[in-house]
Amino acid sequence: MSDSGSGARYFWCLRHHQVETDANVCPAKYVFGPYASATDAENALQLVQERNEAWEAEDSRWAGEER
């Protein structure tokens, strides 16, 4: 699937566990995005996990705790 240069937006659907586009996207409460590519949308949950871990580590450092 080539998605570069098309101007399309991609979303990761939490309900269907698949990439969706503007043409078939579920309501906003069920999706992450938009992303510029289908690959980025497929990696949405990994990105969320990485960000959560980084934020939790920063919260611990701010509170004076070490992880």
N, C-alpha and C. Protein backbone atom coordinates (compact mmCIF):
# COMPACT_ATOMS: atom_id res chain seq x y z
N MET A 1 0.85 -1.18 0.00
CA MET A 1 0.00 0.00 0.00
C MET A 1 0.89 1.23 0.00
N SER A 2 0.69 2.07 -0.95
CA SER A 2 1.44 3.31 -1.00
C SER A 2 0.54 4.43 -0.51
N ASP A 3 1.02 5.16 0.52
CA ASP A 3 0.19 6.22 1.05
C ASP A 3 0.92 7.56 1.08
N SER A 4 2.06 7.65 0.43
CA SER A 4 2.79 8.91 0.43
C SER A 4 2.26 9.83 -0.65
N GLY A 5 2.11 11.10 -0.30
CA GLY A 5 1.70 12.10 -1.26
C GLY A 5 0.22 12.11 -1.61
N SER A 6 -0.58 11.25 -1.00
CA SER A 6 -1.99 11.19 -1.36
C SER A 6 -2.82 12.21 -0.60
N GLY A 7 -2.31 12.75 0.50
CA GLY A 7 -3.06 13.70 1.30
C GLY A 7 -4.10 13.03 2.18
N ALA A 8 -4.18 11.72 2.13
CA ALA A 8 -5.14 10.98 2.95
C ALA A 8 -4.70 11.01 4.41
N ARG A 9 -5.69 10.87 5.27
CA ARG A 9 -5.41 10.77 6.70
C ARG A 9 -5.80 9.37 7.15
N TYR A 10 -5.03 8.85 8.11
CA TYR A 10 -5.21 7.49 8.59
C TYR A 10 -5.44 7.52 10.10
N PHE A 11 -6.23 6.57 10.57
CA PHE A 11 -6.60 6.47 11.97
C PHE A 11 -6.45 5.03 12.43
N TRP A 12 -6.16 4.84 13.73
CA TRP A 12 -6.19 3.49 14.29
C TRP A 12 -7.49 3.35 15.06
N CYS A 13 -8.30 2.39 14.68
CA CYS A 13 -9.60 2.16 15.31
C CYS A 13 -9.45 1.18 16.46
N LEU A 14 -9.82 1.63 17.66
CA LEU A 14 -9.75 0.79 18.85
C LEU A 14 -10.86 -0.25 18.87
N ARG A 15 -11.91 -0.02 18.15
CA ARG A 15 -13.04 -0.94 18.11
C ARG A 15 -12.80 -2.09 17.14
N HIS A 16 -12.22 -1.77 15.99
CA HIS A 16 -12.01 -2.78 14.95
C HIS A 16 -10.57 -3.28 14.86
N HIS A 17 -9.66 -2.63 15.59
CA HIS A 17 -8.24 -3.01 15.58
C HIS A 17 -7.67 -3.03 14.17
N GLN A 18 -7.94 -1.93 13.46
CA GLN A 18 -7.42 -1.80 12.10
C GLN A 18 -7.28 -0.33 11.73
N VAL A 19 -6.54 -0.11 10.65
CA VAL A 19 -6.37 1.24 10.11
C VAL A 19 -7.64 1.63 9.36
N GLU A 20 -8.07 2.86 9.58
CA GLU A 20 -9.21 3.40 8.85
C GLU A 20 -8.80 4.72 8.20
N THR A 21 -9.52 5.11 7.17
CA THR A 21 -9.25 6.37 6.47
C THR A 21 -10.43 7.32 6.64
N ASP A 22 -10.28 8.53 6.12
CA ASP A 22 -11.38 9.49 6.17
C ASP A 22 -12.66 8.91 5.58
N ALA A 23 -12.51 8.02 4.61
CA ALA A 23 -13.67 7.45 3.92
C ALA A 23 -14.47 6.47 4.79
N ASN A 24 -13.81 5.87 5.81
CA ASN A 24 -14.51 4.86 6.59
C ASN A 24 -14.22 4.94 8.09
N VAL A 25 -13.87 6.11 8.57
CA VAL A 25 -13.44 6.24 9.96
C VAL A 25 -14.63 6.17 10.93
N CYS A 26 -14.40 5.49 12.04
CA CYS A 26 -15.39 5.41 13.12
C CYS A 26 -15.44 6.74 13.86
N PRO A 27 -16.42 6.92 14.75
CA PRO A 27 -16.49 8.15 15.55
C PRO A 27 -15.19 8.38 16.33
N ALA A 28 -14.90 9.63 16.60
CA ALA A 28 -13.63 10.03 17.22
C ALA A 28 -13.35 9.31 18.54
N LYS A 29 -14.38 8.95 19.29
CA LYS A 29 -14.14 8.29 20.58
C LYS A 29 -13.53 6.90 20.43
N TYR A 30 -13.51 6.37 19.21
CA TYR A 30 -12.95 5.04 18.97
C TYR A 30 -11.61 5.03 18.25
N VAL A 31 -11.07 6.20 17.90
CA VAL A 31 -9.87 6.20 17.07
C VAL A 31 -8.76 7.07 17.63
N PHE A 32 -7.53 6.71 17.28
CA PHE A 32 -6.35 7.55 17.48
C PHE A 32 -6.00 8.10 16.11
N GLY A 33 -5.58 9.35 16.08
CA GLY A 33 -5.14 9.93 14.82
C GLY A 33 -5.70 11.32 14.67
N PRO A 34 -5.48 11.92 13.56
CA PRO A 34 -5.03 11.34 12.30
C PRO A 34 -3.50 11.21 12.23
N TYR A 35 -3.10 10.29 11.38
CA TYR A 35 -1.70 10.05 11.07
C TYR A 35 -1.49 10.26 9.57
N ALA A 36 -0.27 10.54 9.18
CA ALA A 36 0.05 10.81 7.77
C ALA A 36 0.15 9.54 6.94
N SER A 37 0.37 8.39 7.59
CA SER A 37 0.50 7.15 6.83
C SER A 37 -0.20 6.01 7.57
N ALA A 38 -0.52 4.98 6.82
CA ALA A 38 -1.13 3.79 7.41
C ALA A 38 -0.17 3.13 8.39
N THR A 39 1.10 3.15 8.09
CA THR A 39 2.10 2.56 8.99
C THR A 39 2.13 3.28 10.33
N ASP A 40 2.09 4.61 10.29
CA ASP A 40 2.05 5.37 11.55
C ASP A 40 0.80 5.01 12.35
N ALA A 41 -0.33 4.88 11.69
CA ALA A 41 -1.57 4.52 12.37
C ALA A 41 -1.47 3.12 12.98
N GLU A 42 -0.85 2.18 12.25
CA GLU A 42 -0.68 0.82 12.77
C GLU A 42 0.17 0.80 14.03
N ASN A 43 1.08 1.76 14.17
CA ASN A 43 1.98 1.82 15.33
C ASN A 43 1.45 2.73 16.44
N ALA A 44 0.21 3.14 16.36
CA ALA A 44 -0.36 4.09 17.32
C ALA A 44 -0.29 3.58 18.76
N LEU A 45 -0.64 2.33 18.99
CA LEU A 45 -0.66 1.81 20.36
C LEU A 45 0.75 1.72 20.94
N GLN A 46 1.73 1.39 20.10
CA GLN A 46 3.11 1.35 20.56
C GLN A 46 3.57 2.75 20.96
N LEU A 47 3.22 3.75 20.17
CA LEU A 47 3.57 5.12 20.48
C LEU A 47 2.92 5.58 21.79
N VAL A 48 1.67 5.22 21.99
CA VAL A 48 0.98 5.56 23.23
C VAL A 48 1.70 4.93 24.43
N GLN A 49 2.08 3.68 24.31
CA GLN A 49 2.78 2.99 25.40
C GLN A 49 4.12 3.68 25.70
N GLU A 50 4.88 4.01 24.66
CA GLU A 50 6.17 4.68 24.86
C GLU A 50 6.00 6.03 25.53
N ARG A 51 5.00 6.78 25.11
CA ARG A 51 4.76 8.10 25.72
C ARG A 51 4.33 7.97 27.17
N ASN A 52 3.46 7.01 27.46
CA ASN A 52 3.01 6.80 28.84
C ASN A 52 4.18 6.44 29.75
N GLU A 53 5.06 5.56 29.28
CA GLU A 53 6.22 5.18 30.08
C GLU A 53 7.13 6.38 30.33
N ALA A 54 7.34 7.20 29.31
CA ALA A 54 8.18 8.39 29.48
C ALA A 54 7.56 9.37 30.47
N TRP A 55 6.24 9.57 30.37
CA TRP A 55 5.57 10.49 31.29
C TRP A 55 5.59 9.98 32.72
N GLU A 56 5.41 8.65 32.90
CA GLU A 56 5.45 8.08 34.24
C GLU A 56 6.84 8.22 34.85
N ALA A 57 7.88 8.01 34.03
CA ALA A 57 9.24 8.18 34.52
C ALA A 57 9.50 9.64 34.91
N GLU A 58 9.02 10.57 34.11
CA GLU A 58 9.19 11.98 34.43
C GLU A 58 8.43 12.35 35.69
N ASP A 59 7.23 11.83 35.87
CA ASP A 59 6.46 12.08 37.10
C ASP A 59 7.23 11.57 38.32
N SER A 60 7.82 10.39 38.20
CA SER A 60 8.60 9.83 39.32
C SER A 60 9.81 10.69 39.63
N ARG A 61 10.51 11.16 38.60
CA ARG A 61 11.67 12.02 38.83
C ARG A 61 11.22 13.33 39.49
N TRP A 62 10.12 13.88 39.04
CA TRP A 62 9.61 15.13 39.59
C TRP A 62 9.24 14.95 41.06
N ALA A 63 8.69 13.79 41.41
CA ALA A 63 8.27 13.51 42.79
C ALA A 63 9.45 13.07 43.65
N GLY A 64 10.64 12.94 43.06
CA GLY A 64 11.82 12.56 43.82
C GLY A 64 11.99 11.06 43.98
N GLU A 65 11.26 10.30 43.20
CA GLU A 65 11.36 8.84 43.23
C GLU A 65 12.27 8.39 42.08
N GLU A 66 12.95 7.32 42.30
CA GLU A 66 13.78 6.75 41.22
C GLU A 66 13.12 5.49 40.71
N ARG A 67 13.19 5.28 39.42
CA ARG A 67 12.65 4.06 38.81
C ARG A 67 13.77 3.16 38.40
